[in-house]
Protein backbone atom coordinates (compact mmCIF):
# COMPACT_ATOMS: atom_id res chain seq x y z
CA MET A 1 -14.16 21.87 -24.84
CA LEU A 2 -14.38 24.32 -21.52
CA PRO A 3 -15.27 22.94 -18.01
CA SER A 4 -18.51 23.35 -16.44
CA PHE A 5 -18.93 24.63 -13.41
CA ARG A 6 -19.79 21.82 -11.74
CA GLU A 7 -16.30 20.79 -12.77
CA PHE A 8 -15.15 22.61 -10.38
CA CYS A 9 -18.39 23.34 -8.15
CA GLY A 10 -19.93 19.71 -7.26
CA ASN A 11 -22.79 20.44 -6.78
CA THR A 12 -22.87 24.28 -4.74
CA SER A 13 -23.84 27.72 -6.75
CA ILE A 14 -21.81 29.83 -8.00
CA TYR A 15 -23.72 32.80 -6.54
CA ASP A 16 -26.29 32.33 -3.12
CA ALA A 17 -28.39 35.36 -2.37
CA LYS A 18 -28.73 34.70 1.11
CA LEU A 19 -24.64 34.45 1.69
CA LEU A 20 -24.04 37.40 -0.19
CA LEU A 21 -27.53 39.96 1.17
CA ASN A 22 -29.55 38.31 3.12
CA ASN A 23 -26.19 38.06 6.37
CA THR A 24 -24.69 40.12 8.53
CA TRP A 25 -21.04 39.48 6.87
CA PRO A 26 -21.64 39.34 2.87
CA GLU A 27 -20.58 35.89 1.78
CA PHE A 28 -19.75 34.48 -0.96
CA THR A 29 -19.93 30.35 -1.80
CA PRO A 30 -16.71 28.73 -2.41
CA CYS A 31 -18.20 27.80 -6.21
CA PHE A 32 -17.48 31.58 -6.64
CA LEU A 33 -13.95 32.02 -4.60
CA ASN A 34 -12.30 29.66 -6.64
CA THR A 35 -13.45 29.95 -9.43
CA LEU A 36 -14.41 33.63 -11.02
CA LEU A 37 -12.12 35.69 -8.76
CA VAL A 38 -9.43 33.26 -9.72
CA TRP A 39 -9.89 32.59 -13.59
CA VAL A 40 -11.28 35.89 -14.66
CA PRO A 41 -7.96 38.05 -14.31
CA ASN A 42 -6.11 34.48 -15.63
CA GLY A 43 -8.52 34.74 -18.61
CA TRP A 44 -8.10 38.84 -18.86
CA VAL A 45 -4.15 38.17 -18.80
CA TRP A 46 -4.39 35.13 -21.23
CA ILE A 47 -6.55 36.97 -23.66
CA ILE A 48 -4.53 40.45 -23.24
CA LEU A 49 -1.03 38.91 -23.56
CA PRO A 50 -0.11 38.48 -27.60
CA VAL A 51 -1.64 42.04 -28.05
CA TYR A 52 -0.01 43.33 -25.63
CA VAL A 53 3.27 42.13 -26.38
CA TYR A 54 3.06 42.74 -29.72
CA TYR A 55 2.61 46.49 -28.61
CA LEU A 56 5.49 46.35 -26.86
CA CYS A 57 7.73 44.59 -29.33
CA ASN A 58 6.57 47.52 -32.02
CA HIS A 59 6.55 50.73 -30.78
CA SER A 60 8.56 52.77 -27.95
CA ASN A 61 7.97 56.33 -26.90
CA GLY A 62 11.76 56.06 -26.52
CA VAL A 63 11.75 56.28 -22.37
CA THR A 64 13.60 52.63 -21.04
CA ILE A 65 13.91 52.06 -17.87
CA PRO A 66 17.53 50.83 -16.95
CA VAL A 67 17.87 47.56 -16.57
CA ASN A 68 20.46 46.27 -15.24
CA LYS A 69 21.93 42.51 -13.89
CA LEU A 70 20.40 42.99 -10.59
CA ASN A 71 17.04 43.77 -11.28
CA VAL A 72 17.19 41.01 -14.02
CA ALA A 73 18.86 38.55 -11.07
CA LYS A 74 16.35 40.20 -8.39
CA THR A 75 12.37 39.11 -10.82
CA ILE A 76 14.16 35.58 -11.30
CA LEU A 77 14.72 35.39 -7.62
CA THR A 78 11.79 36.39 -6.32
CA ALA A 79 10.12 33.99 -8.68
CA VAL A 80 11.42 31.83 -8.33
CA LEU A 81 11.31 31.58 -4.67
CA ILE A 82 7.31 32.33 -5.04
CA GLN A 83 6.66 29.32 -7.27
CA LEU A 84 8.70 27.12 -4.63
CA GLU A 85 7.24 28.31 -1.48
CA ARG A 86 3.79 27.89 -3.56
CA ALA A 87 4.82 23.92 -4.53
CA ARG A 88 5.57 23.84 -0.35
CA GLY A 89 2.56 24.87 0.37
CA VAL A 90 3.94 28.06 1.83
CA ILE A 91 0.75 30.42 2.57
CA THR A 92 2.58 33.58 2.73
CA SER A 93 6.55 34.63 2.84
CA GLY A 94 8.34 36.58 6.28
CA VAL A 95 11.28 36.66 3.65
CA LEU A 96 9.31 38.44 0.18
CA TRP A 97 7.76 40.80 2.76
CA ILE A 98 10.44 41.95 3.39
CA PHE A 99 12.34 42.23 0.63
CA TRP A 100 9.47 43.95 -0.79
CA GLY A 101 9.08 46.02 2.36
CA ALA A 102 12.52 47.52 2.37
CA SER A 103 12.78 48.07 -1.39
CA VAL A 104 8.98 49.70 -0.27
CA LEU A 105 11.19 51.95 2.49
CA ALA A 106 13.88 52.42 0.37
CA ASP A 107 11.90 53.84 -2.88
CA ILE A 108 9.81 56.59 -0.05
CA VAL A 109 13.56 58.81 -0.94
CA PRO A 110 13.05 58.62 -4.34
CA LEU A 111 9.20 59.56 -4.15
CA TYR A 112 9.83 62.83 -2.09
CA THR A 113 12.30 63.65 -4.17
CA LYS A 114 10.04 63.36 -7.93
CA ILE A 115 7.38 64.63 -5.67
CA TYR A 116 9.83 67.55 -4.74
CA LEU A 117 10.91 68.10 -8.04
CA LYS A 118 6.94 68.10 -9.66
CA VAL A 119 5.90 71.54 -7.56
CA SER A 120 9.24 72.69 -6.90
CA TYR A 121 9.81 72.70 -11.27
CA PRO A 122 6.74 71.98 -13.07
CA LEU A 123 7.76 73.08 -17.14
CA THR A 124 10.62 70.66 -16.65
CA PHE A 125 8.88 67.96 -15.19
CA ASP A 126 8.66 64.60 -17.25
CA THR A 127 5.36 63.40 -15.59
CA SER A 128 4.80 60.54 -17.36
CA ARG A 129 7.91 58.97 -16.34
CA GLN A 130 8.11 59.93 -12.92
CA VAL A 131 3.97 58.61 -12.74
CA THR A 132 5.31 55.21 -13.88
CA PHE A 133 7.69 55.49 -10.37
């Protein structure tokens, strides 16, 4: 049986027109923030996950992204760090912020190169592969 909104929100409502529309700054109720904005994206992932995993296992477009030990280790370490920080109540992480910022900065040069190649050689450019970059 699915829990009701009362279990999550107590006596507060999920929508309050006075807070949202008749206010100098649109404000959402805590119930809305803590239920719909959390459950809808998570529900989407859980509903679509089996279909998408089936698709990934049974279809290939012939293009593979190179996976090496460094990429796998990076992914695992960041996931572990995120979960450890959540368990310790850390809201924001300077370590991960610097990591993702450095990753974005490091990808500027390859992005520039891909844009240059698209402009210079539009017919020989693999658009679908480069857009995923």
